[in-house]
Amino acid sequence: MALVSITEAAKLVRRNRSTIYRDIEKGRLSKTVSHEGETQIDTSELLRTYGRLHSGEDDEDEPASHDKVKIALLEERNRSLERALALEAELRKVKDQVTNELRARLADKESVIKVLESKVLFLEYDKQVESLSTQPREDDNDAKRQGDDDPGARQGWWARLLHKKHGSSLSK
């Protein structure tokens, strides 16, 4: 924020001093009063209101004032670059935060997918076990076929064993 006098401001924007005063009165341009009571205008206000600032190199009558204006312009450019760097650093910080948050979400998503995959495998296993338990085995079918002819085939093996012993002792 470089402050310049009304005369320097008029030279910078290539306008008359009366134009500068009129724009101050209408509120288009803001002014600052120094400790000494001198009215000064910030170069950023001149840029906002009039656009481009001119260095005034075509006027050679006041070289000290030209140097002061050049310094003021360079200071303003320096401040704007510092603001741009500060904004860039802030953006970089926000980008890093967002990136870390997205990485955490991705890791959570992958863990949920793994859990769901394991549950699907367990469900498939349960279906296979259930289908195997409901299907009749071939051994059972053979025993049923043989059991139609033999009444003792449906009994347990102890009963069959005892029945055969009783049957064999009775027949003797």
Protein backbone atom coordinates (compact mmCIF):
# COMPACT_ATOMS: atom_id res chain seq x y z
CA MET A 1 0.00 0.00 0.00
CA ALA A 2 1.96 2.96 -1.34
CA LEU A 3 0.54 6.40 -0.63
CA VAL A 4 1.01 9.23 -3.14
CA SER A 5 -0.08 12.86 -3.19
CA ILE A 6 -2.94 14.16 -5.33
CA THR A 7 -0.48 15.59 -7.86
CA GLU A 8 1.44 12.32 -8.12
CA ALA A 9 -1.83 10.40 -8.38
CA ALA A 10 -2.98 12.64 -11.26
CA LYS A 11 0.31 12.00 -13.07
CA LEU A 12 0.08 8.24 -12.47
CA VAL A 13 -3.38 7.98 -13.98
CA ARG A 14 -2.83 10.80 -16.53
CA ARG A 15 -5.82 12.80 -15.33
CA ASN A 16 -6.24 16.34 -13.99
CA ARG A 17 -6.10 17.03 -10.29
CA SER A 18 -9.69 18.27 -10.50
CA THR A 19 -10.75 14.84 -11.81
CA ILE A 20 -9.08 13.18 -8.84
CA TYR A 21 -10.82 15.55 -6.40
CA ARG A 22 -14.19 15.06 -8.15
CA ASP A 23 -13.86 11.25 -7.93
CA ILE A 24 -13.01 11.54 -4.21
CA GLU A 25 -16.12 13.68 -3.63
CA LYS A 26 -18.35 11.25 -5.56
CA GLY A 27 -16.97 8.31 -3.55
CA ARG A 28 -15.35 6.54 -6.50
CA LEU A 29 -11.91 7.00 -4.99
CA SER A 30 -10.96 6.88 -1.32
CA LYS A 31 -8.35 9.10 0.27
CA THR A 32 -6.12 8.97 3.32
CA VAL A 33 -5.06 11.93 5.42
CA SER A 34 -1.48 11.69 6.72
CA HIS A 35 -0.31 12.78 10.20
CA GLU A 36 0.78 16.08 8.68
CA GLY A 37 -2.71 16.69 7.26
CA GLU A 38 -1.73 15.98 3.65
CA THR A 39 -4.29 14.18 1.49
CA GLN A 40 -2.85 11.02 -0.01
CA ILE A 41 -4.20 8.26 -2.19
CA ASP A 42 -3.25 4.61 -2.09
CA THR A 43 -1.90 3.30 -5.40
CA SER A 44 -4.13 0.24 -5.09
CA GLU A 45 -7.13 2.63 -5.08
CA LEU A 46 -5.84 4.25 -8.25
CA LEU A 47 -5.49 0.83 -9.85
CA ARG A 48 -9.01 -0.14 -8.79
CA THR A 49 -10.59 3.06 -10.07
CA TYR A 50 -8.58 3.87 -13.20
CA GLY A 51 -6.92 0.62 -14.16
CA ARG A 52 -3.38 0.97 -15.40
CA LEU A 53 -0.89 3.31 -13.76
CA HIS A 54 1.66 5.19 -15.84
CA SER A 55 5.15 5.86 -14.63
CA GLY A 56 5.20 9.39 -16.04
CA GLU A 57 8.55 9.02 -17.82
CA ASP A 58 7.56 11.59 -20.44
CA ASP A 59 7.71 14.36 -17.78
CA GLU A 60 11.34 15.08 -16.99
CA ASP A 61 10.79 18.05 -14.67
CA GLU A 62 10.63 16.07 -11.40
CA PRO A 63 12.98 13.03 -11.41
CA ALA A 64 12.73 12.54 -7.64
CA SER A 65 8.96 12.22 -7.88
CA HIS A 66 9.33 9.69 -10.72
CA ASP A 67 11.65 7.58 -8.62
CA LYS A 68 9.21 7.76 -5.74
CA VAL A 69 6.38 6.61 -8.00
CA LYS A 70 8.49 3.78 -9.43
CA ILE A 71 9.35 2.65 -5.92
CA ALA A 72 5.70 2.84 -4.93
CA LEU A 73 4.71 0.75 -7.95
CA LEU A 74 7.40 -1.81 -7.22
CA GLU A 75 6.33 -1.99 -3.57
CA GLU A 76 2.73 -2.53 -4.62
CA ARG A 77 3.76 -5.25 -7.05
CA ASN A 78 5.86 -6.85 -4.31
CA ARG A 79 2.90 -6.85 -1.90
CA SER A 80 0.59 -8.35 -4.49
CA LEU A 81 3.12 -11.11 -5.18
CA GLU A 82 3.43 -11.80 -1.45
CA ARG A 83 -0.38 -12.07 -1.21
CA ALA A 84 -0.39 -14.45 -4.18
CA LEU A 85 2.28 -16.61 -2.51
CA ALA A 86 0.33 -16.66 0.75
CA LEU A 87 -2.82 -17.71 -1.11
CA GLU A 88 -0.91 -20.39 -2.96
CA ALA A 89 0.47 -21.77 0.33
CA GLU A 90 -3.04 -21.82 1.79
CA LEU A 91 -4.37 -23.61 -1.28
CA ARG A 92 -1.57 -26.15 -1.05
CA LYS A 93 -2.45 -26.79 2.61
CA VAL A 94 -6.14 -27.27 1.78
CA LYS A 95 -5.24 -29.58 -1.11
CA ASP A 96 -3.12 -31.72 1.22
CA GLN A 97 -5.95 -31.93 3.75
CA VAL A 98 -8.45 -32.96 1.08
CA THR A 99 -6.00 -35.51 -0.34
CA ASN A 100 -5.44 -37.06 3.09
CA GLU A 101 -9.18 -37.20 3.74
CA LEU A 102 -9.82 -38.88 0.39
CA ARG A 103 -7.06 -41.41 1.05
CA ALA A 104 -8.63 -42.26 4.40
CA ARG A 105 -12.04 -42.69 2.77
CA LEU A 106 -10.53 -44.93 0.13
CA ALA A 107 -8.88 -47.11 2.78
CA ASP A 108 -12.21 -47.37 4.64
CA LYS A 109 -13.96 -48.31 1.42
CA GLU A 110 -11.41 -51.04 0.69
CA SER A 111 -11.81 -52.52 4.17
CA VAL A 112 -15.61 -52.54 3.78
CA ILE A 113 -15.22 -54.31 0.43
CA LYS A 114 -13.00 -56.98 2.02
CA VAL A 115 -15.52 -57.56 4.81
CA LEU A 116 -18.37 -57.85 2.29
CA GLU A 117 -16.35 -60.27 0.14
CA SER A 118 -15.71 -62.52 3.14
CA LYS A 119 -19.42 -62.46 4.05
CA VAL A 120 -20.33 -63.44 0.49
CA LEU A 121 -17.89 -66.36 0.67
CA PHE A 122 -19.44 -67.49 3.97
CA LEU A 123 -22.94 -67.29 2.46
CA GLU A 124 -21.85 -69.37 -0.54
CA TYR A 125 -20.27 -71.92 1.78
CA ASP A 126 -23.45 -72.12 3.86
CA LYS A 127 -25.52 -72.69 0.70
CA GLN A 128 -23.22 -75.50 -0.41
CA VAL A 129 -23.37 -77.17 3.00
CA GLU A 130 -27.15 -76.86 3.06
CA SER A 131 -27.54 -78.29 -0.42
CA LEU A 132 -25.31 -81.24 0.48
CA SER A 133 -27.26 -81.98 3.65
CA THR A 134 -30.63 -81.98 1.83
CA GLN A 135 -29.51 -84.26 -1.04
CA PRO A 136 -30.01 -88.00 -0.37
CA ARG A 137 -26.76 -89.91 -0.36
CA GLU A 138 -26.25 -92.91 -2.67
CA ASP A 139 -25.54 -95.19 0.31
CA ASP A 140 -28.93 -94.31 1.77
CA ASN A 141 -30.64 -95.05 -1.56
CA ASP A 142 -28.93 -98.46 -1.77
CA ALA A 143 -29.95 -99.28 1.79
CA LYS A 144 -33.55 -98.28 1.03
CA ARG A 145 -33.60 -100.50 -2.03
CA GLN A 146 -32.16 -103.39 -0.07
CA GLY A 147 -34.40 -102.62 2.87
CA ASP A 148 -37.50 -103.24 0.79
CA ASP A 149 -36.50 -106.89 0.56
CA ASP A 150 -35.06 -107.27 4.06
CA PRO A 151 -37.15 -106.08 7.02
CA GLY A 152 -34.09 -105.93 9.27
CA ALA A 153 -32.24 -103.56 6.96
CA ARG A 154 -34.08 -100.59 8.39
CA GLN A 155 -32.95 -101.41 11.87
CA GLY A 156 -29.71 -100.30 13.39
CA TRP A 157 -26.69 -102.52 13.09
CA TRP A 158 -26.99 -103.68 16.73
CA ALA A 159 -30.50 -104.85 16.12
CA ARG A 160 -29.49 -106.60 12.94
CA LEU A 161 -26.52 -108.21 14.70
CA LEU A 162 -28.68 -109.42 17.57
CA HIS A 163 -31.43 -110.50 15.20
CA LYS A 164 -29.01 -112.58 13.16
CA LYS A 165 -27.65 -114.22 16.31
CA HIS A 166 -31.16 -114.97 17.53
CA GLY A 167 -32.23 -116.12 14.15
CA SER A 168 -29.24 -118.40 13.74
CA SER A 169 -29.66 -119.89 17.22
CA LEU A 170 -33.35 -120.47 16.67
CA SER A 171 -32.84 -122.24 13.44
CA LYS A 172 -30.50 -124.78 15.05
